[in-house]
Amino acid sequence: MTKAAVWLAGLALLAGCARKPDDAAILPPVPEGAQAVSLAGRALVPAPAPAKTLEELAAARRTAAAEPRSADALVWLGRRAAYAGDYREAIRVFSRGAAAFPDDARFLRHRGHRYISIREFDRAVRDLEKAAALVEGRTDEIEPDGAPNPKGIPVSTLHSNIYYHLGLAHFLKDDLDKALAVYRKGLETAPNDDMRVATAHWLYMTLRRLGRDAEARSALEAIRADMDVVENTVYHRLLLFYKGELVADAVTADGEAATTNDAAAFGLGSWRLANGDREGAREVFAGILEGPGWASFGFIAAEAAWAREFAGR
């Protein structure tokens, strides 16, 4: 598609033209019903969304239609589409928002997140680097939760989420030096213990992957059992395990969501790999990849680790 055609397609989107844009011009094609293709070439099909999630998406569509000039309405429409498992639609919505509100980093932040979901890591890096540049020097802001935690207190911010997802995209691409730099900045600017433990976990994993074990141990010094962690309890428990203050069986808690348990399993598998237990790591990663949670970060990271360490061997 020529630059002129792209520009015209963007105008059509912003004008609310009934003709849908050519999806293939934005995202690579996938098998029918799939949202993405795994790193091993498997079609990734979402599970049916719960009724409540679909009702919230319908409400977001009505709000966006009634408030066509509202950036907030578009952000929430994209977020609700993603919660319903339609990551490609979410990316289209965030693309509309990025074109209509080029100074609003939220659209690039969320689109970058969903590019990770569909294994488009290079695109995720580009979006999140642009988002980081947009927020540089600006006051941080709380990001409201789509599914509030038990305390009803949002724990993440726009800046911290940009750094968290950008570091992850670099990590998944195996660009560890860049991941390390982003995670260090994210840890320095983390607004609370929830974001500190989430960032410190991936910082620790990155340092272990780089063979910088002494620095990895140093990254654990600030981790305490009495930290005020509301949401990211699995990362907190993993860090305490890495520190030697918890046993492995205590990392995964009964009744937690599969996505949370995937994150716990990935951390334990990566720890085994870093400590030379390749067969143990293989078993853990294989268990994750046999599960249904293909959009979780633990699953995606296990997929990348499998492709790097075990595919074809």
Protein backbone atom coordinates (compact mmCIF):
# COMPACT_ATOMS: atom_id res chain seq x y z
CA MET A 1 0.00 0.00 0.00
CA THR A 2 1.36 3.43 -0.92
CA LYS A 3 1.78 6.27 1.59
CA ALA A 4 -1.10 8.09 -0.06
CA ALA A 5 -3.37 5.06 0.31
CA VAL A 6 -2.45 4.67 3.97
CA TRP A 7 -3.23 8.36 4.55
CA LEU A 8 -6.62 8.02 2.83
CA ALA A 9 -7.44 4.91 4.84
CA GLY A 10 -6.64 6.82 8.02
CA LEU A 11 -8.97 9.64 6.99
CA ALA A 12 -11.73 7.12 6.35
CA LEU A 13 -11.28 5.65 9.82
CA LEU A 14 -11.36 9.03 11.52
CA ALA A 15 -14.45 10.07 9.58
CA GLY A 16 -16.27 6.93 10.73
CA CYS A 17 -16.58 5.59 7.20
CA ALA A 18 -18.71 2.45 7.04
CA ARG A 19 -16.14 0.64 4.88
CA LYS A 20 -13.82 -1.36 7.12
CA PRO A 21 -10.08 -0.94 6.54
CA ASP A 22 -8.13 -3.80 5.02
CA ASP A 23 -7.02 -5.71 8.11
CA ALA A 24 -4.15 -7.33 6.20
CA ALA A 25 -2.67 -3.86 5.67
CA ILE A 26 -2.29 -3.55 9.45
CA LEU A 27 -1.71 -7.07 10.69
CA PRO A 28 -0.50 -10.28 9.06
CA PRO A 29 -3.25 -12.73 8.09
CA VAL A 30 -4.16 -15.57 10.44
CA PRO A 31 -6.27 -18.71 10.07
CA GLU A 32 -10.02 -18.16 10.34
CA GLY A 33 -11.13 -17.73 13.93
CA ALA A 34 -7.60 -17.17 15.20
CA GLN A 35 -6.19 -14.02 16.72
CA ALA A 36 -2.54 -14.90 16.23
CA VAL A 37 -0.06 -17.61 15.38
CA SER A 38 2.24 -18.93 18.08
CA LEU A 39 6.03 -18.87 17.77
CA ALA A 40 5.75 -22.57 16.91
CA GLY A 41 3.21 -21.90 14.13
CA ARG A 42 0.04 -22.92 15.99
CA ALA A 43 -3.18 -20.97 15.40
CA LEU A 44 -4.23 -19.23 18.61
CA VAL A 45 -8.01 -19.09 19.06
CA PRO A 46 -9.57 -17.28 22.04
CA ALA A 47 -12.03 -18.94 24.36
CA PRO A 48 -15.59 -17.54 24.33
CA ALA A 49 -15.79 -14.39 26.44
CA PRO A 50 -18.00 -14.37 29.55
CA ALA A 51 -21.37 -12.68 29.20
CA LYS A 52 -20.39 -9.86 31.56
CA THR A 53 -17.31 -9.09 29.46
CA LEU A 54 -19.41 -8.93 26.30
CA GLU A 55 -21.93 -6.65 28.02
CA GLU A 56 -19.10 -4.30 29.04
CA LEU A 57 -17.78 -4.32 25.47
CA ALA A 58 -21.25 -3.48 24.11
CA ALA A 59 -21.51 -0.60 26.58
CA ALA A 60 -18.07 0.66 25.52
CA ARG A 61 -19.18 0.59 21.88
CA ARG A 62 -22.26 2.65 22.71
CA THR A 63 -20.18 5.19 24.62
CA ALA A 64 -17.63 5.49 21.82
CA ALA A 65 -20.41 6.00 19.28
CA ALA A 66 -22.08 8.66 21.44
CA GLU A 67 -18.77 10.43 22.20
CA PRO A 68 -16.77 10.23 18.93
CA ARG A 69 -14.31 12.92 20.04
CA SER A 70 -13.53 11.28 23.38
CA ALA A 71 -10.05 9.78 23.77
CA ASP A 72 -11.17 8.08 26.98
CA ALA A 73 -14.05 6.37 25.18
CA LEU A 74 -11.70 5.00 22.51
CA VAL A 75 -9.18 3.79 25.11
CA TRP A 76 -11.88 1.87 26.90
CA LEU A 77 -13.35 0.48 23.69
CA GLY A 78 -9.95 -0.97 22.80
CA ARG A 79 -9.39 -2.28 26.29
CA ARG A 80 -12.82 -3.94 26.43
CA ALA A 81 -12.28 -5.54 23.02
CA ALA A 82 -9.02 -7.01 24.28
CA TYR A 83 -10.65 -8.31 27.47
CA ALA A 84 -13.16 -10.09 25.23
CA GLY A 85 -10.26 -11.79 23.41
CA ASP A 86 -10.42 -9.75 20.20
CA TYR A 87 -6.88 -8.39 20.22
CA ARG A 88 -6.91 -7.55 16.54
CA GLU A 89 -10.00 -5.37 16.95
CA ALA A 90 -8.36 -3.76 19.98
CA ILE A 91 -5.31 -2.93 17.87
CA ARG A 92 -7.53 -1.37 15.20
CA VAL A 93 -9.24 0.78 17.82
CA PHE A 94 -5.95 1.88 19.35
CA SER A 95 -4.66 2.67 15.86
CA ARG A 96 -7.65 4.98 15.34
CA GLY A 97 -6.91 6.61 18.66
CA ALA A 98 -3.21 7.06 17.94
CA ALA A 99 -4.08 8.77 14.65
CA ALA A 100 -6.75 11.02 16.19
CA PHE A 101 -4.80 11.84 19.39
CA PRO A 102 -1.09 11.67 18.48
CA ASP A 103 0.05 13.19 21.78
CA ASP A 104 -1.87 10.71 23.92
CA ALA A 105 0.60 7.97 24.87
CA ARG A 106 -2.16 5.67 26.11
CA PHE A 107 -2.99 4.43 22.63
CA LEU A 108 0.59 3.39 21.87
CA ARG A 109 0.97 1.92 25.36
CA HIS A 110 -2.12 -0.27 24.95
CA ARG A 111 -1.46 -1.15 21.32
CA GLY A 112 2.07 -2.17 22.25
CA HIS A 113 0.64 -4.44 24.94
CA ARG A 114 -1.67 -6.12 22.44
CA TYR A 115 1.06 -6.48 19.87
CA ILE A 116 2.81 -8.59 22.51
CA SER A 117 -0.38 -10.64 22.88
CA ILE A 118 -0.33 -11.52 19.16
CA ARG A 119 3.46 -12.11 19.02
CA GLU A 120 4.29 -8.95 17.05
CA PHE A 121 7.24 -8.06 19.26
CA ASP A 122 8.99 -5.64 16.87
CA ARG A 123 5.80 -3.60 16.52
CA ALA A 124 5.37 -3.65 20.28
CA VAL A 125 8.85 -2.23 20.78
CA ARG A 126 8.23 0.56 18.27
CA ASP A 127 4.95 1.58 19.90
CA LEU A 128 6.23 1.44 23.45
CA GLU A 129 9.43 3.34 22.64
CA LYS A 130 7.28 6.09 21.11
CA ALA A 131 5.01 6.04 24.15
CA ALA A 132 8.04 6.34 26.45
CA ALA A 133 9.26 9.35 24.48
CA LEU A 134 5.82 10.97 24.70
CA VAL A 135 5.64 10.70 28.49
CA GLU A 136 9.24 11.75 29.15
CA GLY A 137 9.16 14.73 31.50
CA ARG A 138 5.39 14.53 31.99
CA THR A 139 3.60 13.89 35.26
CA ASP A 140 2.65 10.25 35.68
CA GLU A 141 -1.01 9.22 35.96
CA ILE A 142 -2.89 6.31 37.48
CA GLU A 143 -4.29 3.78 35.02
CA PRO A 144 -7.77 2.67 36.09
CA ASP A 145 -8.31 -1.07 36.29
CA GLY A 146 -10.58 -2.95 33.93
CA ALA A 147 -11.14 -5.52 36.67
CA PRO A 148 -10.62 -3.79 40.04
CA ASN A 149 -8.58 -5.64 42.66
CA PRO A 150 -10.16 -6.61 46.02
CA LYS A 151 -9.11 -3.30 47.58
CA GLY A 152 -10.45 -1.28 44.64
CA ILE A 153 -7.14 0.57 44.41
CA PRO A 154 -5.42 0.81 41.00
CA VAL A 155 -1.72 0.03 41.43
CA SER A 156 -0.25 0.74 38.01
CA THR A 157 0.44 3.99 36.18
CA LEU A 158 0.89 5.02 32.58
CA HIS A 159 4.67 5.42 32.89
CA SER A 160 5.21 2.21 34.85
CA ASN A 161 3.11 0.20 32.41
CA ILE A 162 5.00 1.59 29.43
CA TYR A 163 8.35 0.57 30.93
CA TYR A 164 7.02 -2.80 32.09
CA HIS A 165 5.69 -3.76 28.67
CA LEU A 166 8.65 -2.29 26.76
CA GLY A 167 11.08 -4.27 28.90
CA LEU A 168 9.03 -7.41 28.32
CA ALA A 169 8.98 -6.89 24.54
CA HIS A 170 12.77 -6.59 24.51
CA PHE A 171 13.04 -9.66 26.77
CA LEU A 172 10.85 -11.72 24.44
CA LYS A 173 12.97 -10.63 21.47
CA ASP A 174 16.06 -11.78 23.41
CA ASP A 175 17.39 -8.21 23.34
CA LEU A 176 18.51 -8.46 26.93
CA ASP A 177 20.73 -5.39 27.22
CA LYS A 178 17.85 -3.16 26.14
CA ALA A 179 15.46 -5.02 28.44
CA LEU A 180 17.85 -4.47 31.33
CA ALA A 181 18.09 -0.71 30.73
CA VAL A 182 14.29 -0.36 30.55
CA TYR A 183 13.69 -2.44 33.67
CA ARG A 184 16.24 -0.42 35.63
CA LYS A 185 14.42 2.77 34.67
CA GLY A 186 11.08 1.19 35.45
CA LEU A 187 12.29 0.14 38.90
CA GLU A 188 13.60 3.63 39.63
CA THR A 189 10.24 5.18 38.75
CA ALA A 190 7.92 2.47 40.14
CA PRO A 191 5.20 4.23 42.17
CA ASN A 192 4.47 1.45 44.69
CA ASP A 193 5.42 -2.04 45.85
CA ASP A 194 3.18 -3.74 43.28
CA MET A 195 5.08 -2.25 40.36
CA ARG A 196 8.40 -2.69 42.19
CA VAL A 197 7.97 -6.45 42.50
CA ALA A 198 6.60 -6.84 38.97
CA THR A 199 9.56 -4.97 37.50
CA ALA A 200 12.12 -6.53 39.85
CA HIS A 201 11.03 -10.02 38.78
CA TRP A 202 11.80 -9.38 35.11
CA LEU A 203 14.95 -7.48 36.01
CA TYR A 204 16.15 -10.51 37.98
CA MET A 205 15.27 -12.87 35.11
CA THR A 206 17.12 -10.63 32.63
CA LEU A 207 20.25 -10.50 34.79
CA ARG A 208 20.22 -14.29 35.20
CA ARG A 209 19.87 -14.71 31.44
CA LEU A 210 22.88 -12.40 30.99
CA GLY A 211 24.91 -14.46 33.47
CA ARG A 212 25.21 -11.49 35.84
CA ASP A 213 24.30 -13.50 38.91
CA ALA A 214 25.86 -11.19 41.50
CA GLU A 215 23.81 -8.27 40.18
CA ALA A 216 20.73 -10.49 40.16
CA ARG A 217 21.26 -11.24 43.86
CA SER A 218 21.70 -7.53 44.53
CA ALA A 219 18.35 -6.85 42.84
CA LEU A 220 16.71 -8.99 45.54
CA GLU A 221 18.08 -7.03 48.49
CA ALA A 222 15.16 -4.58 48.57
CA ILE A 223 12.56 -7.37 48.47
CA ARG A 224 10.90 -7.99 51.84
CA ALA A 225 8.14 -10.31 52.96
CA ASP A 226 6.19 -7.39 54.47
CA MET A 227 5.94 -5.33 51.27
CA ASP A 228 2.50 -3.81 50.56
CA VAL A 229 1.59 -5.85 47.47
CA VAL A 230 -2.06 -5.85 46.42
CA GLU A 231 -2.14 -7.45 42.94
CA ASN A 232 1.28 -8.76 41.96
CA THR A 233 1.52 -11.30 44.74
CA VAL A 234 2.88 -14.00 42.43
CA TYR A 235 5.86 -11.84 41.48
CA HIS A 236 6.40 -11.07 45.16
CA ARG A 237 6.39 -14.76 46.05
CA LEU A 238 8.72 -15.57 43.16
CA LEU A 239 11.22 -12.96 44.33
CA LEU A 240 11.09 -14.34 47.86
CA PHE A 241 11.71 -17.80 46.40
CA TYR A 242 14.70 -16.54 44.41
CA LYS A 243 15.94 -14.97 47.64
CA GLY A 244 15.64 -18.31 49.45
CA GLU A 245 12.83 -17.21 51.79
CA LEU A 246 10.08 -19.38 50.23
CA VAL A 247 9.98 -22.92 48.92
CA ALA A 248 8.87 -23.55 45.33
CA ASP A 249 5.55 -25.11 46.37
CA ALA A 250 4.58 -21.86 48.11
CA VAL A 251 4.86 -19.76 44.94
CA THR A 252 1.66 -20.96 43.29
CA ALA A 253 -1.44 -20.43 45.40
CA ASP A 254 -4.60 -22.53 45.16
CA GLY A 255 -7.52 -20.82 43.50
CA GLU A 256 -5.49 -18.31 41.54
CA ALA A 257 -6.21 -17.64 37.88
CA ALA A 258 -4.48 -19.74 35.26
CA THR A 259 -2.70 -16.66 33.93
CA THR A 260 -1.23 -16.02 37.39
CA ASN A 261 -0.13 -19.63 37.69
CA ASP A 262 1.49 -19.43 34.24
CA ALA A 263 3.54 -16.48 35.50
CA ALA A 264 4.54 -18.46 38.58
CA ALA A 265 5.45 -21.51 36.51
CA PHE A 266 7.49 -19.45 34.05
CA GLY A 267 9.47 -17.92 36.90
CA LEU A 268 10.18 -21.34 38.42
CA GLY A 269 11.09 -22.83 35.04
CA SER A 270 13.42 -19.94 34.24
CA TRP A 271 15.07 -20.26 37.65
CA ARG A 272 15.69 -23.95 36.95
CA LEU A 273 17.15 -23.12 33.55
CA ALA A 274 19.42 -20.43 35.00
CA ASN A 275 20.64 -22.95 37.57
CA GLY A 276 21.50 -25.61 34.99
CA ASP A 277 18.42 -27.84 35.34
CA ARG A 278 17.49 -27.96 31.66
CA GLU A 279 15.27 -31.02 31.93
CA GLY A 280 13.38 -29.55 34.85
CA ALA A 281 12.90 -26.31 32.91
CA ARG A 282 11.77 -28.24 29.82
CA GLU A 283 9.13 -30.02 31.88
CA VAL A 284 7.83 -26.77 33.39
CA PHE A 285 7.68 -24.92 30.07
CA ALA A 286 6.00 -27.86 28.35
CA GLY A 287 3.34 -27.87 31.07
CA ILE A 288 2.63 -24.18 30.50
CA LEU A 289 2.39 -24.63 26.73
CA GLU A 290 -0.10 -27.47 27.13
CA GLY A 291 -2.48 -25.09 28.91
CA PRO A 292 -5.09 -22.72 27.46
CA GLY A 293 -3.69 -19.35 28.55
CA TRP A 294 -1.87 -18.43 25.35
CA ALA A 295 -2.36 -14.67 25.84
CA SER A 296 -0.77 -14.51 29.30
CA PHE A 297 2.74 -13.14 29.64
CA GLY A 298 3.87 -16.31 31.42
CA PHE A 299 2.70 -18.39 28.46
CA ILE A 300 4.26 -16.08 25.86
CA ALA A 301 7.56 -16.01 27.75
CA ALA A 302 7.53 -19.82 28.03
CA GLU A 303 6.86 -20.02 24.30
CA ALA A 304 9.85 -17.76 23.58
CA ALA A 305 12.05 -19.77 25.98
CA TRP A 306 10.99 -23.02 24.33
CA ALA A 307 11.75 -21.67 20.86
CA ARG A 308 15.15 -20.49 22.04
CA GLU A 309 16.22 -23.45 24.16
CA PHE A 310 14.39 -26.59 23.08
CA ALA A 311 12.74 -26.33 19.64
CA GLY A 312 14.15 -28.89 17.25
CA ARG A 313 16.27 -30.54 19.95
